[in-house]
């Protein structure tokens, strides 16, 4: 059974930082392309950042220069370091594991991030 478990969300003031973690089980983590997505209140889910199995990264324009995605294959964990947080970063953040040729497309349960003073 595949599980992705996110943690690290919470309430933070504008300009603050948070680090999200997502621990995977039930898949060969090193083969998965991993991503973070978010769903702001009343809006659709959107891409935040991705990191391929080979380590290539991609970011939404809205988070470039503020967020960093990374992975630790030994710990089967993907991270999202979020700095200079803004109120518009408020959302439920979801972890995703994909491998198109294996038909993998798994999601975590989400973690709430609220940026407010």
N, C-alpha and C. Protein backbone atom coordinates (compact mmCIF):
# COMPACT_ATOMS: atom_id res chain seq x y z
N UNK A 1 0.85 -1.19 0.00
CA UNK A 1 0.00 0.00 0.00
C UNK A 1 0.88 1.24 0.00
N UNK A 2 0.61 2.14 -0.95
CA UNK A 2 1.39 3.36 -1.07
C UNK A 2 0.86 4.40 -0.10
N UNK A 3 1.77 5.03 0.61
CA UNK A 3 1.40 6.13 1.50
C UNK A 3 2.36 7.28 1.32
N UNK A 4 1.81 8.49 1.27
CA UNK A 4 2.59 9.72 1.29
C UNK A 4 2.06 10.53 2.48
N UNK A 5 2.94 10.83 3.42
CA UNK A 5 2.51 11.51 4.64
C UNK A 5 3.24 12.84 4.75
N UNK A 6 2.47 13.92 4.64
CA UNK A 6 3.03 15.26 4.74
C UNK A 6 3.05 15.74 6.19
N UNK A 7 3.98 16.61 6.50
CA UNK A 7 4.03 17.25 7.80
C UNK A 7 4.75 18.59 7.65
N UNK A 8 4.64 19.41 8.69
CA UNK A 8 5.37 20.67 8.71
C UNK A 8 4.53 21.91 8.47
N UNK A 9 3.25 21.73 8.16
CA UNK A 9 2.40 22.88 7.96
C UNK A 9 2.10 23.60 9.26
N UNK A 10 1.44 24.74 9.13
CA UNK A 10 1.09 25.50 10.33
C UNK A 10 0.78 26.94 10.01
N UNK A 11 0.72 27.74 11.07
CA UNK A 11 0.45 29.16 10.96
C UNK A 11 1.78 29.92 11.06
N UNK A 12 2.02 30.82 10.13
CA UNK A 12 3.26 31.59 10.13
C UNK A 12 2.94 33.02 9.70
N UNK A 13 3.71 33.97 10.20
CA UNK A 13 3.52 35.36 9.82
C UNK A 13 4.11 35.64 8.45
N UNK A 14 3.60 36.66 7.76
CA UNK A 14 4.20 37.04 6.48
C UNK A 14 5.69 37.31 6.65
N UNK A 15 6.47 36.82 5.67
CA UNK A 15 7.92 36.93 5.74
C UNK A 15 8.59 35.77 6.43
N UNK A 16 7.82 34.91 7.06
CA UNK A 16 8.37 33.77 7.78
C UNK A 16 8.69 32.59 6.88
N UNK A 17 9.12 31.51 7.53
CA UNK A 17 9.54 30.31 6.80
C UNK A 17 8.89 29.06 7.40
N UNK A 18 8.73 28.08 6.55
CA UNK A 18 8.29 26.75 6.97
C UNK A 18 9.00 25.73 6.09
N UNK A 19 9.18 24.53 6.63
CA UNK A 19 9.69 23.43 5.81
C UNK A 19 8.70 22.28 5.88
N UNK A 20 8.17 21.91 4.72
CA UNK A 20 7.28 20.78 4.62
C UNK A 20 8.08 19.51 4.30
N UNK A 21 7.62 18.40 4.85
CA UNK A 21 8.23 17.10 4.56
C UNK A 21 7.15 16.14 4.09
N UNK A 22 7.54 15.21 3.25
CA UNK A 22 6.63 14.17 2.77
C UNK A 22 7.41 12.86 2.75
N UNK A 23 6.98 11.93 3.58
CA UNK A 23 7.62 10.63 3.66
C UNK A 23 6.80 9.62 2.87
N UNK A 24 7.47 8.89 2.00
CA UNK A 24 6.80 7.92 1.14
C UNK A 24 7.07 6.49 1.60
N UNK A 25 6.08 5.64 1.40
CA UNK A 25 6.25 4.21 1.64
C UNK A 25 5.44 3.46 0.59
N UNK A 26 5.87 2.23 0.32
CA UNK A 26 5.13 1.40 -0.62
C UNK A 26 5.51 1.58 -2.08
N UNK A 27 6.49 2.48 -2.35
CA UNK A 27 7.00 2.65 -3.71
C UNK A 27 8.53 2.68 -3.66
N UNK A 28 9.14 2.46 -4.82
CA UNK A 28 10.58 2.63 -4.92
C UNK A 28 10.82 4.13 -5.09
N UNK A 29 11.08 4.79 -3.96
CA UNK A 29 11.08 6.26 -3.94
C UNK A 29 12.07 6.85 -4.94
N UNK A 30 13.22 6.22 -5.08
CA UNK A 30 14.26 6.79 -5.95
C UNK A 30 13.83 6.84 -7.42
N UNK A 31 12.82 6.07 -7.79
CA UNK A 31 12.35 6.06 -9.17
C UNK A 31 11.23 7.07 -9.43
N UNK A 32 10.69 7.64 -8.37
CA UNK A 32 9.52 8.51 -8.50
C UNK A 32 9.91 9.95 -8.77
N UNK A 33 9.15 10.60 -9.63
CA UNK A 33 9.20 12.05 -9.75
C UNK A 33 8.27 12.60 -8.68
N UNK A 34 8.78 13.51 -7.87
CA UNK A 34 8.02 14.00 -6.72
C UNK A 34 7.62 15.46 -6.93
N UNK A 35 6.49 15.81 -6.35
CA UNK A 35 6.04 17.18 -6.50
C UNK A 35 5.25 17.67 -5.30
N UNK A 36 5.21 18.97 -5.18
CA UNK A 36 4.34 19.65 -4.22
C UNK A 36 3.32 20.47 -5.00
N UNK A 37 2.08 20.34 -4.61
CA UNK A 37 0.98 21.10 -5.19
C UNK A 37 0.25 21.78 -4.04
N UNK A 38 -0.55 22.78 -4.35
CA UNK A 38 -1.33 23.43 -3.31
C UNK A 38 -2.70 23.81 -3.83
N UNK A 39 -3.64 23.91 -2.90
CA UNK A 39 -4.99 24.32 -3.23
C UNK A 39 -5.39 25.44 -2.30
N UNK A 40 -5.37 26.67 -2.80
CA UNK A 40 -5.81 27.80 -1.98
C UNK A 40 -7.31 27.73 -1.73
N UNK A 41 -7.81 28.41 -0.72
CA UNK A 41 -9.25 28.39 -0.43
C UNK A 41 -10.06 28.84 -1.64
N UNK A 42 -11.03 28.04 -2.05
CA UNK A 42 -11.92 28.40 -3.14
C UNK A 42 -11.32 28.33 -4.52
N UNK A 43 -10.09 27.78 -4.62
CA UNK A 43 -9.43 27.71 -5.92
C UNK A 43 -9.05 26.27 -6.27
N UNK A 44 -8.58 26.09 -7.50
CA UNK A 44 -8.18 24.77 -7.95
C UNK A 44 -6.76 24.46 -7.47
N UNK A 45 -6.45 23.16 -7.44
CA UNK A 45 -5.11 22.73 -7.08
C UNK A 45 -4.12 23.18 -8.16
N UNK A 46 -2.95 23.62 -7.72
CA UNK A 46 -1.94 24.13 -8.65
C UNK A 46 -0.56 23.59 -8.31
N UNK A 47 0.28 23.54 -9.34
CA UNK A 47 1.65 23.09 -9.15
C UNK A 47 2.45 24.11 -8.37
N UNK A 48 3.25 23.64 -7.43
CA UNK A 48 4.19 24.50 -6.71
C UNK A 48 5.61 24.21 -7.19
N UNK A 49 6.03 22.95 -7.09
CA UNK A 49 7.40 22.58 -7.47
C UNK A 49 7.46 21.08 -7.70
N UNK A 50 8.38 20.68 -8.58
CA UNK A 50 8.61 19.26 -8.82
C UNK A 50 10.10 18.97 -8.83
N UNK A 51 10.42 17.73 -8.54
CA UNK A 51 11.80 17.26 -8.63
C UNK A 51 11.77 15.85 -9.22
N UNK A 52 12.52 15.66 -10.29
CA UNK A 52 12.50 14.36 -10.95
C UNK A 52 13.35 13.35 -10.19
N UNK A 53 13.26 12.10 -10.63
CA UNK A 53 14.09 11.06 -10.02
C UNK A 53 15.57 11.37 -10.21
N UNK A 54 15.88 12.11 -11.25
CA UNK A 54 17.26 12.49 -11.51
C UNK A 54 17.70 13.76 -10.83
N UNK A 55 16.76 14.44 -10.15
CA UNK A 55 17.11 15.63 -9.39
C UNK A 55 16.83 16.96 -10.08
N UNK A 56 16.26 16.94 -11.27
CA UNK A 56 15.92 18.20 -11.95
C UNK A 56 14.69 18.81 -11.29
N UNK A 57 14.72 20.13 -11.14
CA UNK A 57 13.65 20.82 -10.43
C UNK A 57 12.91 21.79 -11.36
N UNK A 58 11.67 22.07 -10.96
CA UNK A 58 10.82 23.00 -11.70
C UNK A 58 9.93 23.71 -10.68
N UNK A 59 9.72 25.02 -10.89
CA UNK A 59 8.95 25.81 -9.93
C UNK A 59 7.88 26.63 -10.64
N UNK A 60 6.78 26.84 -9.95
CA UNK A 60 5.81 27.82 -10.40
C UNK A 60 6.45 29.21 -10.30
N UNK A 61 6.08 30.08 -11.24
CA UNK A 61 6.66 31.43 -11.24
C UNK A 61 6.42 32.15 -9.91
N UNK A 62 5.29 31.89 -9.30
CA UNK A 62 4.91 32.60 -8.07
C UNK A 62 5.79 32.26 -6.88
N UNK A 63 6.55 31.16 -6.96
CA UNK A 63 7.37 30.75 -5.81
C UNK A 63 8.86 30.74 -6.12
N UNK A 64 9.23 31.02 -7.37
CA UNK A 64 10.64 31.00 -7.74
C UNK A 64 11.43 32.00 -6.89
N UNK A 65 12.56 31.53 -6.40
CA UNK A 65 13.40 32.38 -5.56
C UNK A 65 13.02 32.38 -4.10
N UNK A 66 11.86 31.82 -3.77
CA UNK A 66 11.42 31.77 -2.36
C UNK A 66 11.33 30.34 -1.83
N UNK A 67 10.94 29.41 -2.70
CA UNK A 67 10.75 28.01 -2.30
C UNK A 67 11.84 27.15 -2.91
N UNK A 68 12.22 26.09 -2.19
CA UNK A 68 13.21 25.13 -2.69
C UNK A 68 12.71 23.72 -2.42
N UNK A 69 12.66 22.93 -3.47
CA UNK A 69 12.30 21.52 -3.33
C UNK A 69 13.57 20.69 -3.32
N UNK A 70 13.58 19.65 -2.49
CA UNK A 70 14.73 18.75 -2.43
C UNK A 70 14.25 17.36 -2.03
N UNK A 71 15.13 16.39 -2.19
CA UNK A 71 14.74 15.03 -1.84
C UNK A 71 15.92 14.31 -1.20
N UNK A 72 15.59 13.34 -0.33
CA UNK A 72 16.58 12.48 0.30
C UNK A 72 16.10 11.06 0.03
N UNK A 73 16.70 10.42 -0.94
CA UNK A 73 16.24 9.09 -1.33
C UNK A 73 16.46 8.07 -0.22
N UNK A 74 17.49 8.23 0.56
CA UNK A 74 17.74 7.29 1.66
C UNK A 74 16.64 7.35 2.71
N UNK A 75 16.07 8.54 2.90
CA UNK A 75 14.99 8.71 3.87
C UNK A 75 13.61 8.65 3.21
N UNK A 76 13.59 8.46 1.89
CA UNK A 76 12.32 8.40 1.15
C UNK A 76 11.47 9.63 1.45
N UNK A 77 12.11 10.77 1.43
CA UNK A 77 11.46 12.01 1.83
C UNK A 77 11.73 13.11 0.81
N UNK A 78 10.68 13.89 0.53
CA UNK A 78 10.82 15.09 -0.27
C UNK A 78 10.47 16.28 0.62
N UNK A 79 11.20 17.36 0.43
CA UNK A 79 11.04 18.55 1.26
C UNK A 79 10.62 19.75 0.40
N UNK A 80 9.96 20.69 1.06
CA UNK A 80 9.70 21.98 0.44
C UNK A 80 10.06 23.05 1.47
N UNK A 81 11.17 23.72 1.23
CA UNK A 81 11.57 24.84 2.08
C UNK A 81 10.90 26.09 1.54
N UNK A 82 10.12 26.74 2.38
CA UNK A 82 9.37 27.92 1.97
C UNK A 82 9.84 29.12 2.78
N UNK A 83 10.39 30.08 2.09
CA UNK A 83 10.87 31.31 2.73
C UNK A 83 10.08 32.51 2.22
N UNK A 84 10.20 33.60 2.93
CA UNK A 84 9.52 34.85 2.53
C UNK A 84 8.05 34.60 2.21
N UNK A 85 7.39 33.91 3.10
CA UNK A 85 6.01 33.52 2.85
C UNK A 85 5.09 34.73 2.80
N UNK A 86 4.09 34.61 1.93
CA UNK A 86 3.11 35.67 1.71
C UNK A 86 1.72 35.15 2.03
N UNK A 87 0.78 36.04 2.34
CA UNK A 87 -0.60 35.57 2.60
C UNK A 87 -1.16 34.75 1.44
N UNK A 88 -0.77 35.07 0.22
CA UNK A 88 -1.28 34.31 -0.92
C UNK A 88 -0.69 32.90 -1.04
N UNK A 89 0.25 32.57 -0.19
CA UNK A 89 0.75 31.19 -0.13
C UNK A 89 -0.14 30.31 0.74
N UNK A 90 -1.13 30.90 1.39
CA UNK A 90 -2.05 30.13 2.22
C UNK A 90 -2.79 29.10 1.37
N UNK A 91 -2.71 27.85 1.77
CA UNK A 91 -3.31 26.75 0.99
C UNK A 91 -3.12 25.44 1.74
N UNK A 92 -3.80 24.42 1.26
CA UNK A 92 -3.47 23.05 1.65
C UNK A 92 -2.40 22.57 0.66
N UNK A 93 -1.29 22.08 1.19
CA UNK A 93 -0.18 21.64 0.37
C UNK A 93 -0.18 20.11 0.30
N UNK A 94 -0.09 19.60 -0.94
CA UNK A 94 -0.15 18.17 -1.18
C UNK A 94 1.15 17.67 -1.80
N UNK A 95 1.55 16.50 -1.37
CA UNK A 95 2.69 15.80 -1.94
C UNK A 95 2.20 14.83 -3.02
N UNK A 96 2.96 14.72 -4.09
CA UNK A 96 2.59 13.83 -5.20
C UNK A 96 3.79 13.01 -5.64
N UNK A 97 3.54 11.75 -5.94
CA UNK A 97 4.58 10.86 -6.49
C UNK A 97 4.10 10.34 -7.83
N UNK A 98 4.92 10.52 -8.86
CA UNK A 98 4.53 10.11 -10.21
C UNK A 98 5.65 9.33 -10.88
N UNK A 99 5.24 8.41 -11.73
CA UNK A 99 6.17 7.75 -12.66
C UNK A 99 5.28 7.31 -13.81
N UNK A 100 5.33 8.03 -14.89
CA UNK A 100 4.37 7.84 -15.97
C UNK A 100 4.45 6.42 -16.53
N UNK A 101 5.68 5.93 -16.75
CA UNK A 101 5.81 4.61 -17.38
C UNK A 101 5.37 3.48 -16.45
N UNK A 102 5.34 3.75 -15.14
CA UNK A 102 4.83 2.76 -14.19
C UNK A 102 3.38 3.04 -13.81
N UNK A 103 2.82 4.10 -14.38
CA UNK A 103 1.45 4.52 -14.05
C UNK A 103 1.30 4.83 -12.56
N UNK A 104 2.32 5.44 -11.99
CA UNK A 104 2.22 5.88 -10.61
C UNK A 104 1.67 7.30 -10.59
N UNK A 105 0.68 7.53 -9.73
CA UNK A 105 0.18 8.88 -9.49
C UNK A 105 -0.49 8.86 -8.13
N UNK A 106 0.30 9.13 -7.11
CA UNK A 106 -0.15 9.01 -5.74
C UNK A 106 -0.12 10.38 -5.05
N UNK A 107 -1.07 10.56 -4.12
CA UNK A 107 -1.21 11.83 -3.41
C UNK A 107 -1.23 11.61 -1.90
N UNK A 108 -0.69 12.58 -1.19
CA UNK A 108 -0.81 12.59 0.25
C UNK A 108 -2.13 13.22 0.66
N UNK A 109 -2.34 13.30 1.98
CA UNK A 109 -3.60 13.80 2.51
C UNK A 109 -3.61 15.33 2.62
N UNK A 110 -2.46 15.94 2.51
CA UNK A 110 -2.37 17.40 2.57
C UNK A 110 -2.01 17.93 3.94
N UNK A 111 -1.38 19.09 3.95
CA UNK A 111 -1.06 19.78 5.19
C UNK A 111 -1.37 21.26 4.99
N UNK A 112 -2.01 21.85 5.99
CA UNK A 112 -2.47 23.25 5.88
C UNK A 112 -1.32 24.21 6.19
N UNK A 113 -1.15 25.18 5.31
CA UNK A 113 -0.23 26.29 5.56
C UNK A 113 -1.04 27.57 5.54
N UNK A 114 -0.95 28.32 6.63
CA UNK A 114 -1.65 29.59 6.74
C UNK A 114 -0.65 30.69 7.02
N UNK A 115 -0.64 31.71 6.16
CA UNK A 115 0.26 32.84 6.32
C UNK A 115 -0.59 34.05 6.67
N UNK A 116 -0.46 34.49 7.91
CA UNK A 116 -1.30 35.58 8.39
C UNK A 116 -0.65 36.25 9.58
N UNK A 117 -0.90 37.54 9.70
CA UNK A 117 -0.42 38.26 10.88
C UNK A 117 -1.50 38.30 11.95
